[in-house]
Amino acid sequence: MIAIGEHPEGSILPVRAQPGARKAGILGERAGALKVAVGAPPEQGRANQALAELLRDALGLKRSQVELLSGATGRDKRFLIRGMAPAELRERLENLHA
Protein backbone atom coordinates (compact mmCIF):
# COMPACT_ATOMS: atom_id res chain seq x y z
CA MET A 1 0.00 0.00 0.00
CA ILE A 2 1.29 3.45 -0.90
CA ALA A 3 2.01 5.53 2.20
CA ILE A 4 0.26 8.77 1.24
CA GLY A 5 0.78 11.49 3.85
CA GLU A 6 -1.20 14.53 4.84
CA HIS A 7 0.00 18.08 4.21
CA PRO A 8 -1.69 21.42 5.00
CA GLU A 9 -1.91 22.10 1.23
CA GLY A 10 -2.99 18.59 0.16
CA SER A 11 -1.19 15.24 0.15
CA ILE A 12 2.36 13.92 0.06
CA LEU A 13 2.95 11.17 -2.48
CA PRO A 14 6.08 9.03 -2.06
CA VAL A 15 7.58 8.04 -5.43
CA ARG A 16 10.30 5.54 -6.33
CA ALA A 17 11.82 6.80 -9.59
CA GLN A 18 13.28 4.75 -12.40
CA PRO A 19 15.01 7.25 -14.72
CA GLY A 20 16.36 6.28 -18.14
CA ALA A 21 13.66 3.64 -18.70
CA ARG A 22 12.79 2.37 -22.16
CA LYS A 23 9.09 2.96 -21.54
CA ALA A 24 7.62 5.64 -19.27
CA GLY A 25 4.69 4.88 -17.02
CA ILE A 26 3.39 4.04 -13.58
CA LEU A 27 4.60 0.58 -12.63
CA GLY A 28 2.70 0.04 -9.38
CA GLU A 29 3.75 0.05 -5.74
CA ARG A 30 7.16 -0.68 -4.23
CA ALA A 31 8.01 -0.44 -0.53
CA GLY A 32 5.20 1.99 0.25
CA ALA A 33 5.88 4.26 -2.74
CA LEU A 34 4.45 4.67 -6.22
CA LYS A 35 6.99 3.28 -8.70
CA VAL A 36 7.26 5.49 -11.79
CA ALA A 37 9.50 5.03 -14.83
CA VAL A 38 10.55 7.92 -17.08
CA GLY A 39 12.76 7.97 -20.17
CA ALA A 40 14.62 11.13 -19.16
CA PRO A 41 18.11 10.74 -17.73
CA PRO A 42 18.85 11.77 -14.12
CA GLU A 43 20.82 14.83 -15.24
CA GLN A 44 20.11 18.48 -14.47
CA GLY A 45 16.67 17.71 -13.06
CA ARG A 46 15.30 16.32 -16.31
CA ALA A 47 14.05 13.10 -14.72
CA ASN A 48 12.35 15.09 -11.94
CA GLN A 49 10.56 17.25 -14.51
CA ALA A 50 9.49 14.17 -16.44
CA LEU A 51 8.19 12.56 -13.23
CA ALA A 52 6.13 15.64 -12.38
CA GLU A 53 4.68 15.77 -15.90
CA LEU A 54 3.80 12.08 -15.87
CA LEU A 55 2.10 12.40 -12.47
CA ARG A 56 0.15 15.47 -13.65
CA ASP A 57 -1.06 13.69 -16.78
CA ALA A 58 -1.90 10.41 -15.04
CA LEU A 59 -3.80 12.06 -12.19
CA GLY A 60 -5.45 14.81 -14.26
CA LEU A 61 -3.80 17.68 -12.39
CA LYS A 62 -2.64 21.21 -13.22
CA ARG A 63 1.05 22.14 -13.34
CA SER A 64 0.77 24.13 -10.09
CA GLN A 65 -0.65 21.13 -8.20
CA VAL A 66 2.50 18.95 -8.37
CA GLU A 67 5.72 19.97 -6.62
CA LEU A 68 8.83 17.98 -5.69
CA LEU A 69 9.33 18.33 -1.93
CA SER A 70 12.38 16.12 -1.39
CA GLY A 71 14.64 13.61 -3.09
CA ALA A 72 15.86 15.73 -6.00
CA THR A 73 19.05 13.69 -6.38
CA GLY A 74 17.86 10.24 -5.25
CA ARG A 75 15.43 7.62 -6.48
CA ASP A 76 13.12 8.03 -3.48
CA LYS A 77 11.16 11.26 -3.80
CA ARG A 78 8.23 12.99 -2.15
CA PHE A 79 5.79 15.03 -4.21
CA LEU A 80 3.27 17.51 -2.85
CA ILE A 81 -0.11 17.09 -4.54
CA ARG A 82 -1.92 20.38 -3.84
CA GLY A 83 -5.65 20.61 -3.31
CA MET A 84 -6.25 16.87 -2.99
CA ALA A 85 -6.97 14.98 0.21
CA PRO A 86 -5.14 11.68 0.77
CA ALA A 87 -8.37 9.67 0.32
CA GLU A 88 -9.06 11.28 -3.07
CA LEU A 89 -5.46 10.77 -4.20
CA ARG A 90 -5.59 7.10 -3.16
CA GLU A 91 -8.82 6.67 -5.14
CA ARG A 92 -7.28 8.21 -8.27
CA LEU A 93 -4.24 5.95 -7.96
CA GLU A 94 -6.45 2.89 -7.59
CA ASN A 95 -8.37 3.89 -10.72
CA LEU A 96 -5.10 3.96 -12.68
CA HIS A 97 -4.55 0.27 -12.02
CA ALA A 98 -8.15 -0.78 -12.59
PDB file of N, CA and C in Angstrom:
ATOM      1  N   MET A   1       0.839  -1.184   0.000  1.00  0.00           N
ATOM      2  CA  MET A   1       0.000   0.000   0.000  1.00  0.00           C
ATOM      3  C   MET A   1       0.886   1.251   0.000  1.00  0.00           C
ATOM      4  N   ILE A   2       0.521   2.202  -0.797  1.00  0.00           N
ATOM      5  CA  ILE A   2       1.289   3.446  -0.905  1.00  0.00           C
ATOM      6  C   ILE A   2       1.017   4.303   0.324  1.00  0.00           C
ATOM      7  N   ALA A   3       2.094   4.759   0.958  1.00  0.00           N
ATOM      8  CA  ALA A   3       2.005   5.527   2.202  1.00  0.00           C
ATOM      9  C   ALA A   3       1.801   7.010   1.901  1.00  0.00           C
ATOM     10  N   ILE A   4       0.589   7.380   1.546  1.00  0.00           N
ATOM     11  CA  ILE A   4       0.259   8.772   1.241  1.00  0.00           C
ATOM     12  C   ILE A   4       0.130   9.536   2.552  1.00  0.00           C
ATOM     13  N   GLY A   5       0.814  10.680   2.632  1.00  0.00           N
ATOM     14  CA  GLY A   5       0.784  11.487   3.847  1.00  0.00           C
ATOM     15  C   GLY A   5      -0.079  12.723   3.701  1.00  0.00           C
ATOM     16  N   GLU A   6      -0.424  13.293   4.841  1.00  0.00           N
ATOM     17  CA  GLU A   6      -1.202  14.529   4.844  1.00  0.00           C
ATOM     18  C   GLU A   6      -0.263  15.727   4.845  1.00  0.00           C
ATOM     19  N   HIS A   7      -0.740  16.820   4.278  1.00  0.00           N
ATOM     20  CA  HIS A   7      -0.002  18.078   4.213  1.00  0.00           C
ATOM     21  C   HIS A   7      -1.042  19.193   4.304  1.00  0.00           C
ATOM     22  N   PRO A   8      -0.705  20.331   4.901  1.00  0.00           N
ATOM     23  CA  PRO A   8      -1.688  21.425   4.997  1.00  0.00           C
ATOM     24  C   PRO A   8      -2.245  21.871   3.633  1.00  0.00           C
ATOM     25  N   GLU A   9      -1.461  21.684   2.568  1.00  0.00           N
ATOM     26  CA  GLU A   9      -1.910  22.101   1.232  1.00  0.00           C
ATOM     27  C   GLU A   9      -2.485  20.970   0.402  1.00  0.00           C
ATOM     28  N   GLY A  10      -2.468  19.728   0.924  1.00  0.00           N
ATOM     29  CA  GLY A  10      -2.987  18.594   0.157  1.00  0.00           C
ATOM     30  C   GLY A  10      -2.452  17.273   0.669  1.00  0.00           C
ATOM     31  N   SER A  11      -1.714  16.559  -0.189  1.00  0.00           N
ATOM     32  CA  SER A  11      -1.189  15.238   0.148  1.00  0.00           C
ATOM     33  C   SER A  11       0.274  15.124  -0.251  1.00  0.00           C
ATOM     34  N   ILE A  12       0.974  14.212   0.418  1.00  0.00           N
ATOM     35  CA  ILE A  12       2.359  13.920   0.060  1.00  0.00           C
ATOM     36  C   ILE A  12       2.389  12.518  -0.531  1.00  0.00           C
ATOM     37  N   LEU A  13       2.886  12.428  -1.763  1.00  0.00           N
ATOM     38  CA  LEU A  13       2.949  11.166  -2.484  1.00  0.00           C
ATOM     39  C   LEU A  13       4.403  10.701  -2.572  1.00  0.00           C
ATOM     40  N   PRO A  14       4.725   9.569  -1.930  1.00  0.00           N
ATOM     41  CA  PRO A  14       6.082   9.034  -2.064  1.00  0.00           C
ATOM     42  C   PRO A  14       6.227   8.338  -3.427  1.00  0.00           C
ATOM     43  N   VAL A  15       7.347   8.585  -4.093  1.00  0.00           N
ATOM     44  CA  VAL A  15       7.582   8.036  -5.428  1.00  0.00           C
ATOM     45  C   VAL A  15       8.954   7.387  -5.462  1.00  0.00           C
ATOM     46  N   ARG A  16       9.032   6.214  -6.060  1.00  0.00           N
ATOM     47  CA  ARG A  16      10.299   5.537  -6.333  1.00  0.00           C
ATOM     48  C   ARG A  16      10.532   5.690  -7.833  1.00  0.00           C
ATOM     49  N   ALA A  17      11.561   6.453  -8.191  1.00  0.00           N
ATOM     50  CA  ALA A  17      11.817   6.803  -9.585  1.00  0.00           C
ATOM     51  C   ALA A  17      12.695   5.770 -10.274  1.00  0.00           C
ATOM     52  N   GLN A  18      12.430   5.575 -11.548  1.00  0.00           N
ATOM     53  CA  GLN A  18      13.277   4.750 -12.403  1.00  0.00           C
ATOM     54  C   GLN A  18      13.604   5.582 -13.643  1.00  0.00           C
ATOM     55  N   PRO A  19      14.649   6.410 -13.570  1.00  0.00           N
ATOM     56  CA  PRO A  19      15.014   7.247 -14.715  1.00  0.00           C
ATOM     57  C   PRO A  19      15.705   6.423 -15.809  1.00  0.00           C
ATOM     58  N   GLY A  20      15.686   6.937 -17.029  1.00  0.00           N
ATOM     59  CA  GLY A  20      16.356   6.282 -18.144  1.00  0.00           C
ATOM     60  C   GLY A  20      15.680   5.006 -18.597  1.00  0.00           C
ATOM     61  N   ALA A  21      14.396   4.848 -18.318  1.00  0.00           N
ATOM     62  CA  ALA A  21      13.662   3.640 -18.701  1.00  0.00           C
ATOM     63  C   ALA A  21      13.330   3.645 -20.187  1.00  0.00           C
ATOM     64  N   ARG A  22      13.169   2.467 -20.742  1.00  0.00           N
ATOM     65  CA  ARG A  22      12.787   2.370 -22.164  1.00  0.00           C
ATOM     66  C   ARG A  22      11.362   2.859 -22.382  1.00  0.00           C
ATOM     67  N   LYS A  23      10.494   2.573 -21.406  1.00  0.00           N
ATOM     68  CA  LYS A  23       9.094   2.961 -21.537  1.00  0.00           C
ATOM     69  C   LYS A  23       8.662   3.688 -20.260  1.00  0.00           C
ATOM     70  N   ALA A  24       8.082   4.858 -20.415  1.00  0.00           N
ATOM     71  CA  ALA A  24       7.616   5.642 -19.270  1.00  0.00           C
ATOM     72  C   ALA A  24       6.243   5.157 -18.829  1.00  0.00           C
ATOM     73  N   GLY A  25       6.002   5.232 -17.523  1.00  0.00           N
ATOM     74  CA  GLY A  25       4.687   4.880 -17.016  1.00  0.00           C
ATOM     75  C   GLY A  25       4.714   4.588 -15.528  1.00  0.00           C
ATOM     76  N   ILE A  26       3.536   4.378 -14.985  1.00  0.00           N
ATOM     77  CA  ILE A  26       3.388   4.038 -13.577  1.00  0.00           C
ATOM     78  C   ILE A  26       3.418   2.522 -13.481  1.00  0.00           C
ATOM     79  N   LEU A  27       4.352   2.008 -12.692  1.00  0.00           N
ATOM     80  CA  LEU A  27       4.602   0.576 -12.629  1.00  0.00           C
ATOM     81  C   LEU A  27       3.988  -0.116 -11.424  1.00  0.00           C
ATOM     82  N   GLY A  28       3.324   0.637 -10.550  1.00  0.00           N
ATOM     83  CA  GLY A  28       2.697   0.040  -9.382  1.00  0.00           C
ATOM     84  C   GLY A  28       3.281   0.558  -8.086  1.00  0.00           C
ATOM     85  N   GLU A  29       3.295  -0.329  -7.076  1.00  0.00           N
ATOM     86  CA  GLU A  29       3.751   0.054  -5.743  1.00  0.00           C
ATOM     87  C   GLU A  29       5.021  -0.711  -5.406  1.00  0.00           C
ATOM     88  N   ARG A  30       5.938  -0.025  -4.705  1.00  0.00           N
ATOM     89  CA  ARG A  30       7.157  -0.680  -4.225  1.00  0.00           C
ATOM     90  C   ARG A  30       7.551  -0.051  -2.896  1.00  0.00           C
ATOM     91  N   ALA A  31       7.585  -0.864  -1.869  1.00  0.00           N
ATOM     92  CA  ALA A  31       8.013  -0.441  -0.534  1.00  0.00           C
ATOM     93  C   ALA A  31       7.290   0.820  -0.045  1.00  0.00           C
ATOM     94  N   GLY A  32       5.989   0.869  -0.234  1.00  0.00           N
ATOM     95  CA  GLY A  32       5.201   1.990   0.245  1.00  0.00           C
ATOM     96  C   GLY A  32       5.228   3.223  -0.628  1.00  0.00           C
ATOM     97  N   ALA A  33       5.792   3.113  -1.823  1.00  0.00           N
ATOM     98  CA  ALA A  33       5.877   4.259  -2.737  1.00  0.00           C
ATOM     99  C   ALA A  33       5.322   3.867  -4.110  1.00  0.00           C
ATOM    100  N   LEU A  34       4.904   4.866  -4.858  1.00  0.00           N
ATOM    101  CA  LEU A  34       4.447   4.665  -6.224  1.00  0.00           C
ATOM    102  C   LEU A  34       5.682   4.551  -7.117  1.00  0.00           C
ATOM    103  N   LYS A  35       5.831   3.451  -7.832  1.00  0.00           N
ATOM    104  CA  LYS A  35       6.990   3.275  -8.704  1.00  0.00           C
ATOM    105  C   LYS A  35       6.650   3.852 -10.076  1.00  0.00           C
ATOM    106  N   VAL A  36       7.504   4.784 -10.534  1.00  0.00           N
ATOM    107  CA  VAL A  36       7.264   5.489 -11.786  1.00  0.00           C
ATOM    108  C   VAL A  36       8.530   5.453 -12.635  1.00  0.00           C
ATOM    109  N   ALA A  37       8.381   5.063 -13.890  1.00  0.00           N
ATOM    110  CA  ALA A  37       9.501   5.031 -14.825  1.00  0.00           C
ATOM    111  C   ALA A  37       9.382   6.194 -15.811  1.00  0.00           C
ATOM    112  N   VAL A  38      10.510   6.841 -16.078  1.00  0.00           N
ATOM    113  CA  VAL A  38      10.555   7.917 -17.084  1.00  0.00           C
ATOM    114  C   VAL A  38      11.770   7.688 -17.987  1.00  0.00           C
ATOM    115  N   GLY A  39      11.677   8.140 -19.217  1.00  0.00           N
ATOM    116  CA  GLY A  39      12.764   7.970 -20.168  1.00  0.00           C
ATOM    117  C   GLY A  39      13.886   8.974 -19.997  1.00  0.00           C
ATOM    118  N   ALA A  40      13.616  10.063 -19.330  1.00  0.00           N
ATOM    119  CA  ALA A  40      14.615  11.126 -19.163  1.00  0.00           C
ATOM    120  C   ALA A  40      15.758  10.653 -18.263  1.00  0.00           C
ATOM    121  N   PRO A  41      16.975  11.097 -18.574  1.00  0.00           N
ATOM    122  CA  PRO A  41      18.114  10.737 -17.733  1.00  0.00           C
ATOM    123  C   PRO A  41      18.126  11.557 -16.442  1.00  0.00           C
ATOM    124  N   PRO A  42      18.799  11.043 -15.405  1.00  0.00           N
ATOM    125  CA  PRO A  42      18.849  11.772 -14.125  1.00  0.00           C
ATOM    126  C   PRO A  42      19.922  12.855 -14.138  1.00  0.00           C
ATOM    127  N   GLU A  43      19.839  13.757 -15.095  1.00  0.00           N
ATOM    128  CA  GLU A  43      20.816  14.835 -15.244  1.00  0.00           C
ATOM    129  C   GLU A  43      20.102  16.178 -15.262  1.00  0.00           C
ATOM    130  N   GLN A  44      20.605  17.103 -14.488  1.00  0.00           N
ATOM    131  CA  GLN A  44      20.108  18.479 -14.472  1.00  0.00           C
ATOM    132  C   GLN A  44      18.604  18.576 -14.236  1.00  0.00           C
ATOM    133  N   GLY A  45      18.073  17.659 -13.421  1.00  0.00           N
ATOM    134  CA  GLY A  45      16.669  17.711 -13.059  1.00  0.00           C
ATOM    135  C   GLY A  45      15.694  17.265 -14.129  1.00  0.00           C
ATOM    136  N   ARG A  46      16.207  16.711 -15.228  1.00  0.00           N
ATOM    137  CA  ARG A  46      15.297  16.318 -16.314  1.00  0.00           C
ATOM    138  C   ARG A  46      14.375  15.167 -15.910  1.00  0.00           C
ATOM    139  N   ALA A  47      14.898  14.210 -15.167  1.00  0.00           N
ATOM    140  CA  ALA A  47      14.049  13.099 -14.724  1.00  0.00           C
ATOM    141  C   ALA A  47      12.978  13.602 -13.747  1.00  0.00           C
ATOM    142  N   ASN A  48      13.335  14.536 -12.873  1.00  0.00           N
ATOM    143  CA  ASN A  48      12.348  15.090 -11.936  1.00  0.00           C
ATOM    144  C   ASN A  48      11.236  15.811 -12.679  1.00  0.00           C
ATOM    145  N   GLN A  49      11.582  16.566 -13.711  1.00  0.00           N
ATOM    146  CA  GLN A  49      10.562  17.253 -14.509  1.00  0.00           C
ATOM    147  C   GLN A  49       9.660  16.245 -15.209  1.00  0.00           C
ATOM    148  N   ALA A  50      10.272  15.194 -15.756  1.00  0.00           N
ATOM    149  CA  ALA A  50       9.493  14.166 -16.438  1.00  0.00           C
ATOM    150  C   ALA A  50       8.561  13.441 -15.467  1.00  0.00           C
ATOM    151  N   LEU A  51       9.035  13.187 -14.250  1.00  0.00           N
ATOM    152  CA  LEU A  51       8.187  12.560 -13.232  1.00  0.00           C
ATOM    153  C   LEU A  51       6.982  13.435 -12.911  1.00  0.00           C
ATOM    154  N   ALA A  52       7.220  14.719 -12.699  1.00  0.00           N
ATOM    155  CA  ALA A  52       6.128  15.642 -12.376  1.00  0.00           C
ATOM    156  C   ALA A  52       5.112  15.692 -13.513  1.00  0.00           C
ATOM    157  N   GLU A  53       5.586  15.731 -14.752  1.00  0.00           N
ATOM    158  CA  GLU A  53       4.677  15.765 -15.905  1.00  0.00           C
ATOM    159  C   GLU A  53       3.858  14.484 -15.997  1.00  0.00           C
ATOM    160  N   LEU A  54       4.512  13.346 -15.791  1.00  0.00           N
ATOM    161  CA  LEU A  54       3.802  12.078 -15.866  1.00  0.00           C
ATOM    162  C   LEU A  54       2.732  11.986 -14.781  1.00  0.00           C
ATOM    163  N   LEU A  55       3.078  12.410 -13.555  1.00  0.00           N
ATOM    164  CA  LEU A  55       2.101  12.405 -12.469  1.00  0.00           C
ATOM    165  C   LEU A  55       0.924  13.326 -12.780  1.00  0.00           C
ATOM    166  N   ARG A  56       1.223  14.522 -13.300  1.00  0.00           N
ATOM    167  CA  ARG A  56       0.150  15.473 -13.653  1.00  0.00           C
ATOM    168  C   ARG A  56      -0.791  14.859 -14.680  1.00  0.00           C
ATOM    169  N   ASP A  57      -0.224  14.274 -15.721  1.00  0.00           N
ATOM    170  CA  ASP A  57      -1.060  13.694 -16.775  1.00  0.00           C
ATOM    171  C   ASP A  57      -1.876  12.509 -16.267  1.00  0.00           C
ATOM    172  N   ALA A  58      -1.232  11.618 -15.521  1.00  0.00           N
ATOM    173  CA  ALA A  58      -1.904  10.411 -15.045  1.00  0.00           C
ATOM    174  C   ALA A  58      -3.030  10.722 -14.062  1.00  0.00           C
ATOM    175  N   LEU A  59      -2.821  11.735 -13.221  1.00  0.00           N
ATOM    176  CA  LEU A  59      -3.801  12.063 -12.186  1.00  0.00           C
ATOM    177  C   LEU A  59      -4.758  13.180 -12.600  1.00  0.00           C
ATOM    178  N   GLY A  60      -4.567  13.742 -13.788  1.00  0.00           N
ATOM    179  CA  GLY A  60      -5.445  14.808 -14.260  1.00  0.00           C
ATOM    180  C   GLY A  60      -5.311  16.086 -13.462  1.00  0.00           C
ATOM    181  N   LEU A  61      -4.057  16.503 -13.212  1.00  0.00           N
ATOM    182  CA  LEU A  61      -3.798  17.677 -12.392  1.00  0.00           C
ATOM    183  C   LEU A  61      -3.219  18.824 -13.221  1.00  0.00           C
ATOM    184  N   LYS A  62      -3.249  20.023 -12.619  1.00  0.00           N
ATOM    185  CA  LYS A  62      -2.635  21.206 -13.223  1.00  0.00           C
ATOM    186  C   LYS A  62      -1.162  21.256 -12.842  1.00  0.00           C
ATOM    187  N   ARG A  63      -0.385  22.008 -13.589  1.00  0.00           N
ATOM    188  CA  ARG A  63       1.047  22.144 -13.336  1.00  0.00           C
ATOM    189  C   ARG A  63       1.330  22.618 -11.909  1.00  0.00           C
ATOM    190  N   SER A  64       0.537  23.559 -11.415  1.00  0.00           N
ATOM    191  CA  SER A  64       0.770  24.129 -10.085  1.00  0.00           C
ATOM    192  C   SER A  64       0.425  23.174  -8.950  1.00  0.00           C
ATOM    193  N   GLN A  65      -0.229  22.051  -9.250  1.00  0.00           N
ATOM    194  CA  GLN A  65      -0.652  21.127  -8.203  1.00  0.00           C
ATOM    195  C   GLN A  65       0.409  20.090  -7.834  1.00  0.00           C
ATOM    196  N   VAL A  66       1.478  19.963  -8.630  1.00  0.00           N
ATOM    197  CA  VAL A  66       2.502  18.946  -8.370  1.00  0.00           C
ATOM    198  C   VAL A  66       3.841  19.625  -8.139  1.00  0.00           C
ATOM    199  N   GLU A  67       4.437  19.358  -6.965  1.00  0.00           N
ATOM    200  CA  GLU A  67       5.724  19.972  -6.617  1.00  0.00           C
ATOM    201  C   GLU A  67       6.603  18.942  -5.930  1.00  0.00           C
ATOM    202  N   LEU A  68       7.867  18.868  -6.328  1.00  0.00           N
ATOM    203  CA  LEU A  68       8.827  17.980  -5.688  1.00  0.00           C
ATOM    204  C   LEU A  68       9.233  18.587  -4.349  1.00  0.00           C
ATOM    205  N   LEU A  69       8.985  17.847  -3.261  1.00  0.00           N
ATOM    206  CA  LEU A  69       9.330  18.327  -1.926  1.00  0.00           C
ATOM    207  C   LEU A  69      10.729  17.888  -1.516  1.00  0.00           C
ATOM    208  N   SER A  70      11.072  16.635  -1.793  1.00  0.00           N
ATOM    209  CA  SER A  70      12.378  16.120  -1.390  1.00  0.00           C
ATOM    210  C   SER A  70      12.797  14.983  -2.307  1.00  0.00           C
ATOM    211  N   GLY A  71      14.109  14.715  -2.300  1.00  0.00           N
ATOM    212  CA  GLY A  71      14.643  13.614  -3.088  1.00  0.00           C
ATOM    213  C   GLY A  71      15.097  14.002  -4.475  1.00  0.00           C
ATOM    214  N   ALA A  72      15.486  15.251  -4.671  1.00  0.00           N
ATOM    215  CA  ALA A  72      15.859  15.735  -6.003  1.00  0.00           C
ATOM    216  C   ALA A  72      16.997  14.940  -6.627  1.00  0.00           C
ATOM    217  N   THR A  73      17.902  14.395  -5.814  1.00  0.00           N
ATOM    218  CA  THR A  73      19.054  13.686  -6.378  1.00  0.00           C
ATOM    219  C   THR A  73      19.014  12.183  -6.127  1.00  0.00           C
ATOM    220  N   GLY A  74      17.966  11.676  -5.524  1.00  0.00           N
ATOM    221  CA  GLY A  74      17.861  10.245  -5.254  1.00  0.00           C
ATOM    222  C   GLY A  74      16.683   9.623  -5.972  1.00  0.00           C
ATOM    223  N   ARG A  75      16.562   8.325  -5.846  1.00  0.00           N
ATOM    224  CA  ARG A  75      15.434   7.617  -6.476  1.00  0.00           C
ATOM    225  C   ARG A  75      14.156   7.748  -5.658  1.00  0.00           C
ATOM    226  N   ASP A  76      14.297   7.891  -4.343  1.00  0.00           N
ATOM    227  CA  ASP A  76      13.124   8.026  -3.477  1.00  0.00           C
ATOM    228  C   ASP A  76      12.780   9.497  -3.326  1.00  0.00           C
ATOM    229  N   LYS A  77      11.581   9.854  -3.759  1.00  0.00           N
ATOM    230  CA  LYS A  77      11.156  11.255  -3.801  1.00  0.00           C
ATOM    231  C   LYS A  77       9.826  11.416  -3.086  1.00  0.00           C
ATOM    232  N   ARG A  78       9.522  12.637  -2.732  1.00  0.00           N
ATOM    233  CA  ARG A  78       8.229  12.987  -2.147  1.00  0.00           C
ATOM    234  C   ARG A  78       7.662  14.163  -2.922  1.00  0.00           C
ATOM    235  N   PHE A  79       6.472  13.979  -3.466  1.00  0.00           N
ATOM    236  CA  PHE A  79       5.792  15.035  -4.214  1.00  0.00           C
ATOM    237  C   PHE A  79       4.609  15.554  -3.420  1.00  0.00           C
ATOM    238  N   LEU A  80       4.449  16.873  -3.419  1.00  0.00           N
ATOM    239  CA  LEU A  80       3.271  17.507  -2.847  1.00  0.00           C
ATOM    240  C   LEU A  80       2.211  17.564  -3.939  1.00  0.00           C
ATOM    241  N   ILE A  81       1.041  17.030  -3.637  1.00  0.00           N
ATOM    242  CA  ILE A  81      -0.109  17.095  -4.536  1.00  0.00           C
ATOM    243  C   ILE A  81      -1.076  18.080  -3.904  1.00  0.00           C
ATOM    244  N   ARG A  82      -1.105  19.297  -4.426  1.00  0.00           N
ATOM    245  CA  ARG A  82      -1.920  20.380  -3.844  1.00  0.00           C
ATOM    246  C   ARG A  82      -3.405  20.200  -4.128  1.00  0.00           C
ATOM    247  N   GLY A  83      -4.197  20.566  -3.136  1.00  0.00           N
ATOM    248  CA  GLY A  83      -5.645  20.609  -3.315  1.00  0.00           C
ATOM    249  C   GLY A  83      -6.314  19.252  -3.401  1.00  0.00           C
ATOM    250  N   MET A  84      -5.652  18.200  -2.927  1.00  0.00           N
ATOM    251  CA  MET A  84      -6.247  16.874  -2.993  1.00  0.00           C
ATOM    252  C   MET A  84      -6.000  16.145  -1.671  1.00  0.00           C
ATOM    253  N   ALA A  85      -7.073  15.724  -1.055  1.00  0.00           N
ATOM    254  CA  ALA A  85      -6.975  14.976   0.211  1.00  0.00           C
ATOM    255  C   ALA A  85      -6.381  13.599  -0.052  1.00  0.00           C
ATOM    256  N   PRO A  86      -5.724  13.007   0.952  1.00  0.00           N
ATOM    257  CA  PRO A  86      -5.137  11.676   0.772  1.00  0.00           C
ATOM    258  C   PRO A  86      -6.133  10.627   0.262  1.00  0.00           C
ATOM    259  N   ALA A  87      -7.363  10.656   0.751  1.00  0.00           N
ATOM    260  CA  ALA A  87      -8.369   9.669   0.317  1.00  0.00           C
ATOM    261  C   ALA A  87      -8.666   9.815  -1.174  1.00  0.00           C
ATOM    262  N   GLU A  88      -8.775  11.052  -1.653  1.00  0.00           N
ATOM    263  CA  GLU A  88      -9.057  11.281  -3.069  1.00  0.00           C
ATOM    264  C   GLU A  88      -7.864  10.862  -3.929  1.00  0.00           C
ATOM    265  N   LEU A  89      -6.660  11.162  -3.468  1.00  0.00           N
ATOM    266  CA  LEU A  89      -5.456  10.769  -4.199  1.00  0.00           C
ATOM    267  C   LEU A  89      -5.361   9.249  -4.279  1.00  0.00           C
ATOM    268  N   ARG A  90      -5.629   8.567  -3.170  1.00  0.00           N
ATOM    269  CA  ARG A  90      -5.593   7.102  -3.157  1.00  0.00           C
ATOM    270  C   ARG A  90      -6.602   6.533  -4.152  1.00  0.00           C
ATOM    271  N   GLU A  91      -7.782   7.128  -4.209  1.00  0.00           N
ATOM    272  CA  GLU A  91      -8.823   6.669  -5.137  1.00  0.00           C
ATOM    273  C   GLU A  91      -8.377   6.847  -6.587  1.00  0.00           C
ATOM    274  N   ARG A  92      -7.760   7.979  -6.907  1.00  0.00           N
ATOM    275  CA  ARG A  92      -7.283   8.207  -8.274  1.00  0.00           C
ATOM    276  C   ARG A  92      -6.181   7.220  -8.645  1.00  0.00           C
ATOM    277  N   LEU A  93      -5.306   6.933  -7.687  1.00  0.00           N
ATOM    278  CA  LEU A  93      -4.242   5.955  -7.956  1.00  0.00           C
ATOM    279  C   LEU A  93      -4.803   4.564  -8.177  1.00  0.00           C
ATOM    280  N   GLU A  94      -5.817   4.194  -7.407  1.00  0.00           N
ATOM    281  CA  GLU A  94      -6.451   2.890  -7.591  1.00  0.00           C
ATOM    282  C   GLU A  94      -7.129   2.805  -8.946  1.00  0.00           C
ATOM    283  N   ASN A  95      -7.712   3.889  -9.414  1.00  0.00           N
ATOM    284  CA  ASN A  95      -8.370   3.890 -10.722  1.00  0.00           C
ATOM    285  C   ASN A  95      -7.359   3.745 -11.865  1.00  0.00           C
ATOM    286  N   LEU A  96      -6.114   4.134 -11.645  1.00  0.00           N
ATOM    287  CA  LEU A  96      -5.099   3.963 -12.679  1.00  0.00           C
ATOM    288  C   LEU A  96      -4.796   2.500 -12.936  1.00  0.00           C
ATOM    289  N   HIS A  97      -4.878   1.682 -11.894  1.00  0.00           N
ATOM    290  CA  HIS A  97      -4.548   0.270 -12.018  1.00  0.00           C
ATOM    291  C   HIS A  97      -5.750  -0.590 -12.352  1.00  0.00           C
ATOM    292  N   ALA A  98      -6.933  -0.003 -12.323  1.00  0.00           N
ATOM    293  CA  ALA A  98      -8.149  -0.780 -12.595  1.00  0.00           C
ATOM    294  C   ALA A  98      -8.324  -1.053 -14.080  1.00  0.00           C
TER     295      ALA A  98
END
